[in-house]
Amino acid sequence: MPRGRASRKRTAPRDSRPTEPAKSVRREWPSASPWAAAAVIVLAGAAAYSNSLHGAFVFDDPPSIAHNESIRSLWRVDKVLLPVEKLDYYRPVLNLSLALCYGVGGLHVLPYHVLNLGLHLAASLTLFGLVRRSMLLSPPAGGFREASTPVALAAALLWMLHPLQTESVTYVVQRCEAMFGLFCLLTLYCVLRGATSPRAWRWYGGAAAACALGMGSKEAMAVTPLLVLLYDRIFLASSLREAFRQRWGLYAALALTWGILLPMVLVSDLGQSERAADPVTIWEYARTQFGVVVHYLRLSVWPDALCLDYQWPVAQTAWGIVFPAVLIGVLLAAVLWALWRWPKGGFLGAGFFATLAPSSSVIPIPDLAFEHRMYLPLAPLVVALVLGVYVANRKLVSRRPSLRPAARLSSVCLVAGIAAVLGILTHLRNDDYRSELRIWQDTVAQAPNNYRAHNNLGRALAQDGRTAEAIGHYQKALEINPEYAETNFNFGMLLVQLGQGEAAVPLLKQVLAVRPSDLEAHLNLGVALAQQNRVDEAIGHYQKVLEIDPRFAPAHNNLGNMLLRLGRVDRAVLHYQA
């Protein structure tokens, strides 16, 4: 790859004019060590997430971890990196990270949470480095250079401690969002370092490697090469032609990483997900995203009511579509204006919409809203807010220099206060993840019409021995959506355990109407029928299980019991032996 441009006046990290007396430059900020700032970030993040390390596996965690046999043999890398049949997505780097955790601690939650926190801290440090070095590209007279470390520290702290990030950090399998954020930021950081380094090829190689890892972690990483090009044009090069001339090898390598997405997209099938019970069209998804994005923006400013599973409804009314669409349209117009008049500021707005676009545009994902999708898009919002406060503070001080010490102190107190509040909110939110029961109680409180949340709360209550409460939530889930297979299965299985086979039969038959090859549904339906002395029908379902999977031991055992009741001892013995 060709090397980036040599450091010139616009990219020099310090003022190179030797004749200007040092005393003529009045510092608004005391010199701050980047290493000290990095230590503050790590300590603050560790404190805020200290209670997340023993959180339970929730929602998609069990199928992706506990029931995922591909992660149990790390030495079989070929198996780890191949698609997993029972999952509706294919993200090989994510699966490899889960295999690493399984190799360390099996199904103990600690190594999974430690790695998640490590990814979040690494992303925060990368954001700090990216913002700081981007500000060092500014002209000496602008005042951004000397404030680069405190401004970058403030942005990284507020982004890291924001409670919106908890879903990507404490909800284990959503580390894919944190991995996307880390590798996207790392790609940009390596490109910046390469453009200002005499050994550019090393940094560009790191950028390509980070981009490749991100592509294997989350499909949203597809926007990163385009984001790099926009950053290059605004911060590093005077034109697109110069960017390609200086770094054509880098862009060729970044473009090649798109090839990693091809098998991921072809193999993944979100339509197989249980969350695809209510599929939406492109138009339904697109018109609903206006309101979803406005909700994300509100939570970014005021994170008062976080929810693990919104089950957001499709927008149907003009008020639910037009008002948020106008607001988003105004914001997009403002971003375009900023890209024309103040490109560096416009880049932040473009970065927000670009990183959010894969999940909040026209691609119909089964769920219309999830907070973890704001993991990376939150970064440009926070950076814009911090820079805005700094610029306003600087203008105020320029008019009344006597206010400089007070303004500096108030800025530090403001950032520290907001960071403390966000850290406390994050700590409290992490506490909701300590058990499945706790997180689903909170979700039902936030989304009372979410049948999936009622189903999951019912299952958690049943596991806790609170069967009467579990039955109430199962009934509420079926009242909202009578055809939801998971509720029919869980409710039916609970009734079988309670010996109420007659009530369980229609529920389990409803499951088999949707999932005719469900082994557990056939097995429990056989038990329910046996409880009513409908032995022949029970045997039929046990035999159906063995047709699907001849090695399914519970079906052999139950079939042996039925045959023994009929006096067919020899055949019963064969099934017991099997």
Foldseek 3Di string as FASTA:
>chain_A
DFFADEDDQLQDLADPDPVDDPVVDDALDDADDLVVLLVVLLVLLCVLCVLLQQFDADDCRCVLAVVQPLLQCLVPLVSLQDDGPVAQFHQSLLSNQSSVQCVVPNPRRRSLLVVLSVLLSLLLSLQLLLQLSLQSSHHPPPNSSRCSNVLSSLLSLLLSLFLLQCCCRSNRSSVLLSLLSNLLSLLLSLCSCRNHDPPNVVSLVSSLVSLLNNVSSDVLSVLSLVLSLLCCCQRPDVHSVSVCVRPVVSSVSNVVSVVSNVVRVVRRHLCPPLLLPPFDALVQLAQQLLLQVVVLVVCLVPVDAAAAAQQDDGDDDCCNRVVSVVVVVVLVVVLVVCCVVPVVLSSLSVQLCSSLCVLRHRDGRSGSHGSSSCSNSSSSVSSSVSVVLVVVLVVVCVVPVVCSVVSVVVNVVVSVVSSVVSSVVNSVVSVQSRYQLSNLVSNCVRHVLDLVSLQSNLLRCVVVVNNVSSLVSLVSSCVNPVLSLSSLLSNLLSCLVVLNLVVNQVSLVSNCVVVVLDLSSLQSNLSSCVSVVVLVSSLVSLVSSCVSPVPPLSSLQVNLVSCVVVVVNVSSVVSNVD
